[in-house]
Amino acid sequence: MKKEKTFIVQIKDTESGTWQGTVQWVEKEKKEIFRSALELMKLMESAVESDD
């Protein structure tokens, strides 16, 4: 069974038509900065794949 993953996303700004902020992976107590919505998705995907 796959473990649940919980992310807290904080949008700090919306420059250049995309989001900037931080994403926190609750279960691993990791926090990362992202500069675009695409980067946010890649960070989350990487976290989920690395934990499987």
PDB file of N, CA and C in Angstrom:
ATOM      1  N   MET A   1       0.844  -1.189   0.000  1.00  0.00           N
ATOM      2  CA  MET A   1       0.000   0.000   0.000  1.00  0.00           C
ATOM      3  C   MET A   1       0.888   1.251   0.000  1.00  0.00           C
ATOM      4  N   LYS A   2       0.534   2.208  -0.811  1.00  0.00           N
ATOM      5  CA  LYS A   2       1.294   3.464  -0.893  1.00  0.00           C
ATOM      6  C   LYS A   2       0.958   4.362   0.282  1.00  0.00           C
ATOM      7  N   LYS A   3       2.001   5.046   0.776  1.00  0.00           N
ATOM      8  CA  LYS A   3       1.802   5.954   1.895  1.00  0.00           C
ATOM      9  C   LYS A   3       1.233   7.285   1.404  1.00  0.00           C
ATOM     10  N   GLU A   4       0.482   7.906   2.276  1.00  0.00           N
ATOM     11  CA  GLU A   4      -0.095   9.219   1.979  1.00  0.00           C
ATOM     12  C   GLU A   4       0.999  10.284   1.973  1.00  0.00           C
ATOM     13  N   LYS A   5       0.886  11.232   1.053  1.00  0.00           N
ATOM     14  CA  LYS A   5       1.808  12.367   0.987  1.00  0.00           C
ATOM     15  C   LYS A   5       1.004  13.639   1.174  1.00  0.00           C
ATOM     16  N   THR A   6       1.470  14.498   2.069  1.00  0.00           N
ATOM     17  CA  THR A   6       0.787  15.748   2.352  1.00  0.00           C
ATOM     18  C   THR A   6       1.730  16.906   2.065  1.00  0.00           C
ATOM     19  N   PHE A   7       1.275  17.853   1.245  1.00  0.00           N
ATOM     20  CA  PHE A   7       2.064  19.023   0.898  1.00  0.00           C
ATOM     21  C   PHE A   7       1.320  20.284   1.315  1.00  0.00           C
ATOM     22  N   ILE A   8       2.071  21.244   1.857  1.00  0.00           N
ATOM     23  CA  ILE A   8       1.520  22.562   2.155  1.00  0.00           C
ATOM     24  C   ILE A   8       2.176  23.533   1.180  1.00  0.00           C
ATOM     25  N   VAL A   9       1.357  24.191   0.373  1.00  0.00           N
ATOM     26  CA  VAL A   9       1.856  25.112  -0.649  1.00  0.00           C
ATOM     27  C   VAL A   9       1.515  26.535  -0.230  1.00  0.00           C
ATOM     28  N   GLN A  10       2.535  27.394  -0.212  1.00  0.00           N
ATOM     29  CA  GLN A  10       2.320  28.810   0.062  1.00  0.00           C
ATOM     30  C   GLN A  10       2.703  29.595  -1.187  1.00  0.00           C
ATOM     31  N   ILE A  11       1.737  30.310  -1.756  1.00  0.00           N
ATOM     32  CA  ILE A  11       1.982  31.181  -2.902  1.00  0.00           C
ATOM     33  C   ILE A  11       2.358  32.545  -2.351  1.00  0.00           C
ATOM     34  N   LYS A  12       3.587  32.985  -2.608  1.00  0.00           N
ATOM     35  CA  LYS A  12       4.066  34.260  -2.074  1.00  0.00           C
ATOM     36  C   LYS A  12       3.927  35.389  -3.089  1.00  0.00           C
ATOM     37  N   ASP A  13       3.952  35.037  -4.398  1.00  0.00           N
ATOM     38  CA  ASP A  13       3.888  36.056  -5.449  1.00  0.00           C
ATOM     39  C   ASP A  13       3.390  35.409  -6.738  1.00  0.00           C
ATOM     40  N   THR A  14       3.025  36.244  -7.703  1.00  0.00           N
ATOM     41  CA  THR A  14       2.553  35.740  -8.996  1.00  0.00           C
ATOM     42  C   THR A  14       3.159  36.548 -10.135  1.00  0.00           C
ATOM     43  N   GLU A  15       4.477  36.653 -10.160  1.00  0.00           N
ATOM     44  CA  GLU A  15       5.147  37.403 -11.221  1.00  0.00           C
ATOM     45  C   GLU A  15       5.203  36.603 -12.515  1.00  0.00           C
ATOM     46  N   SER A  16       5.262  37.297 -13.630  1.00  0.00           N
ATOM     47  CA  SER A  16       5.415  36.696 -14.964  1.00  0.00           C
ATOM     48  C   SER A  16       4.347  35.650 -15.265  1.00  0.00           C
ATOM     49  N   GLY A  17       3.167  35.835 -14.719  1.00  0.00           N
ATOM     50  CA  GLY A  17       2.045  34.949 -15.024  1.00  0.00           C
ATOM     51  C   GLY A  17       2.145  33.565 -14.400  1.00  0.00           C
ATOM     52  N   THR A  18       2.984  33.384 -13.388  1.00  0.00           N
ATOM     53  CA  THR A  18       3.082  32.089 -12.721  1.00  0.00           C
ATOM     54  C   THR A  18       3.313  32.295 -11.229  1.00  0.00           C
ATOM     55  N   TRP A  19       3.296  31.208 -10.473  1.00  0.00           N
ATOM     56  CA  TRP A  19       3.398  31.279  -9.021  1.00  0.00           C
ATOM     57  C   TRP A  19       4.835  31.163  -8.543  1.00  0.00           C
ATOM     58  N   GLN A  20       5.134  31.840  -7.441  1.00  0.00           N
ATOM     59  CA  GLN A  20       6.378  31.657  -6.712  1.00  0.00           C
ATOM     60  C   GLN A  20       6.011  31.468  -5.245  1.00  0.00           C
ATOM     61  N   GLY A  21       6.755  30.584  -4.575  1.00  0.00           N
ATOM     62  CA  GLY A  21       6.468  30.366  -3.161  1.00  0.00           C
ATOM     63  C   GLY A  21       7.240  29.202  -2.598  1.00  0.00           C
ATOM     64  N   THR A  22       6.634  28.537  -1.605  1.00  0.00           N
ATOM     65  CA  THR A  22       7.275  27.389  -0.969  1.00  0.00           C
ATOM     66  C   THR A  22       6.302  26.217  -0.931  1.00  0.00           C
ATOM     67  N   VAL A  23       6.888  25.024  -0.941  1.00  0.00           N
ATOM     68  CA  VAL A  23       6.110  23.804  -0.767  1.00  0.00           C
ATOM     69  C   VAL A  23       6.774  22.998   0.343  1.00  0.00           C
ATOM     70  N   GLN A  24       5.954  22.542   1.277  1.00  0.00           N
ATOM     71  CA  GLN A  24       6.463  21.750   2.399  1.00  0.00           C
ATOM     72  C   GLN A  24       5.873  20.351   2.311  1.00  0.00           C
ATOM     73  N   TRP A  25       6.754  19.347   2.396  1.00  0.00           N
ATOM     74  CA  TRP A  25       6.334  17.951   2.444  1.00  0.00           C
ATOM     75  C   TRP A  25       6.236  17.593   3.922  1.00  0.00           C
ATOM     76  N   VAL A  26       5.027  17.465   4.415  1.00  0.00           N
ATOM     77  CA  VAL A  26       4.769  17.344   5.847  1.00  0.00           C
ATOM     78  C   VAL A  26       5.421  16.096   6.441  1.00  0.00           C
ATOM     79  N   GLU A  27       5.226  14.933   5.832  1.00  0.00           N
ATOM     80  CA  GLU A  27       5.725  13.681   6.410  1.00  0.00           C
ATOM     81  C   GLU A  27       7.252  13.628   6.507  1.00  0.00           C
ATOM     82  N   LYS A  28       7.955  14.243   5.591  1.00  0.00           N
ATOM     83  CA  LYS A  28       9.418  14.231   5.586  1.00  0.00           C
ATOM     84  C   LYS A  28      10.021  15.494   6.202  1.00  0.00           C
ATOM     85  N   GLU A  29       9.175  16.445   6.566  1.00  0.00           N
ATOM     86  CA  GLU A  29       9.620  17.716   7.148  1.00  0.00           C
ATOM     87  C   GLU A  29      10.633  18.426   6.249  1.00  0.00           C
ATOM     88  N   LYS A  30      10.345  18.435   4.941  1.00  0.00           N
ATOM     89  CA  LYS A  30      11.194  19.122   3.966  1.00  0.00           C
ATOM     90  C   LYS A  30      10.449  20.316   3.408  1.00  0.00           C
ATOM     91  N   LYS A  31      11.186  21.384   3.127  1.00  0.00           N
ATOM     92  CA  LYS A  31      10.583  22.595   2.560  1.00  0.00           C
ATOM     93  C   LYS A  31      11.459  23.067   1.406  1.00  0.00           C
ATOM     94  N   GLU A  32      10.843  23.389   0.278  1.00  0.00           N
ATOM     95  CA  GLU A  32      11.558  23.840  -0.919  1.00  0.00           C
ATOM     96  C   GLU A  32      10.921  25.116  -1.457  1.00  0.00           C
ATOM     97  N   ILE A  33      11.738  25.935  -2.089  1.00  0.00           N
ATOM     98  CA  ILE A  33      11.269  27.134  -2.783  1.00  0.00           C
ATOM     99  C   ILE A  33      11.025  26.776  -4.239  1.00  0.00           C
ATOM    100  N   PHE A  34       9.944  27.292  -4.828  1.00  0.00           N
ATOM    101  CA  PHE A  34       9.708  27.111  -6.264  1.00  0.00           C
ATOM    102  C   PHE A  34       9.501  28.472  -6.921  1.00  0.00           C
ATOM    103  N   ARG A  35       9.873  28.549  -8.202  1.00  0.00           N
ATOM    104  CA  ARG A  35       9.789  29.813  -8.950  1.00  0.00           C
ATOM    105  C   ARG A  35       8.726  29.806 -10.043  1.00  0.00           C
ATOM    106  N   SER A  36       8.058  28.662 -10.217  1.00  0.00           N
ATOM    107  CA  SER A  36       6.985  28.582 -11.204  1.00  0.00           C
ATOM    108  C   SER A  36       6.056  27.428 -10.841  1.00  0.00           C
ATOM    109  N   ALA A  37       4.865  27.448 -11.385  1.00  0.00           N
ATOM    110  CA  ALA A  37       3.916  26.367 -11.145  1.00  0.00           C
ATOM    111  C   ALA A  37       4.471  25.047 -11.678  1.00  0.00           C
ATOM    112  N   LEU A  38       5.172  25.091 -12.790  1.00  0.00           N
ATOM    113  CA  LEU A  38       5.777  23.879 -13.350  1.00  0.00           C
ATOM    114  C   LEU A  38       6.836  23.320 -12.401  1.00  0.00           C
ATOM    115  N   GLU A  39       7.667  24.195 -11.844  1.00  0.00           N
ATOM    116  CA  GLU A  39       8.684  23.747 -10.890  1.00  0.00           C
ATOM    117  C   GLU A  39       8.019  23.142  -9.644  1.00  0.00           C
ATOM    118  N   LEU A  40       6.921  23.722  -9.189  1.00  0.00           N
ATOM    119  CA  LEU A  40       6.167  23.181  -8.058  1.00  0.00           C
ATOM    120  C   LEU A  40       5.723  21.752  -8.357  1.00  0.00           C
ATOM    121  N   MET A  41       5.144  21.534  -9.517  1.00  0.00           N
ATOM    122  CA  MET A  41       4.666  20.201  -9.893  1.00  0.00           C
ATOM    123  C   MET A  41       5.829  19.204  -9.977  1.00  0.00           C
ATOM    124  N   LYS A  42       6.961  19.645 -10.528  1.00  0.00           N
ATOM    125  CA  LYS A  42       8.128  18.759 -10.629  1.00  0.00           C
ATOM    126  C   LYS A  42       8.661  18.386  -9.247  1.00  0.00           C
ATOM    127  N   LEU A  43       8.706  19.346  -8.320  1.00  0.00           N
ATOM    128  CA  LEU A  43       9.152  19.068  -6.956  1.00  0.00           C
ATOM    129  C   LEU A  43       8.236  18.045  -6.280  1.00  0.00           C
ATOM    130  N   MET A  44       6.942  18.227  -6.450  1.00  0.00           N
ATOM    131  CA  MET A  44       5.984  17.300  -5.821  1.00  0.00           C
ATOM    132  C   MET A  44       6.069  15.928  -6.457  1.00  0.00           C
ATOM    133  N   GLU A  45       6.181  15.874  -7.768  1.00  0.00           N
ATOM    134  CA  GLU A  45       6.303  14.588  -8.470  1.00  0.00           C
ATOM    135  C   GLU A  45       7.560  13.839  -8.022  1.00  0.00           C
ATOM    136  N   SER A  46       8.662  14.558  -7.931  1.00  0.00           N
ATOM    137  CA  SER A  46       9.918  13.967  -7.494  1.00  0.00           C
ATOM    138  C   SER A  46       9.805  13.410  -6.079  1.00  0.00           C
ATOM    139  N   ALA A  47       9.161  14.140  -5.192  1.00  0.00           N
ATOM    140  CA  ALA A  47       8.981  13.685  -3.813  1.00  0.00           C
ATOM    141  C   ALA A  47       8.146  12.409  -3.756  1.00  0.00           C
ATOM    142  N   VAL A  48       7.084  12.373  -4.526  1.00  0.00           N
ATOM    143  CA  VAL A  48       6.195  11.206  -4.527  1.00  0.00           C
ATOM    144  C   VAL A  48       6.922   9.992  -5.111  1.00  0.00           C
ATOM    145  N   GLU A  49       7.634  10.169  -6.205  1.00  0.00           N
ATOM    146  CA  GLU A  49       8.330   9.049  -6.847  1.00  0.00           C
ATOM    147  C   GLU A  49       9.470   8.536  -5.983  1.00  0.00           C
ATOM    148  N   SER A  50      10.182   9.416  -5.288  1.00  0.00           N
ATOM    149  CA  SER A  50      11.333   8.997  -4.478  1.00  0.00           C
ATOM    150  C   SER A  50      10.893   8.236  -3.229  1.00  0.00           C
ATOM    151  N   ASP A  51       9.662   8.420  -2.804  1.00  0.00           N
ATOM    152  CA  ASP A  51       9.164   7.781  -1.584  1.00  0.00           C
ATOM    153  C   ASP A  51       8.455   6.466  -1.863  1.00  0.00           C
ATOM    154  N   ASP A  52       8.233   6.128  -3.118  1.00  0.00           N
ATOM    155  CA  ASP A  52       7.507   4.877  -3.455  1.00  0.00           C
ATOM    156  C   ASP A  52       8.393   3.662  -3.302  1.00  0.00           C
TER     157      ASP A  52
END
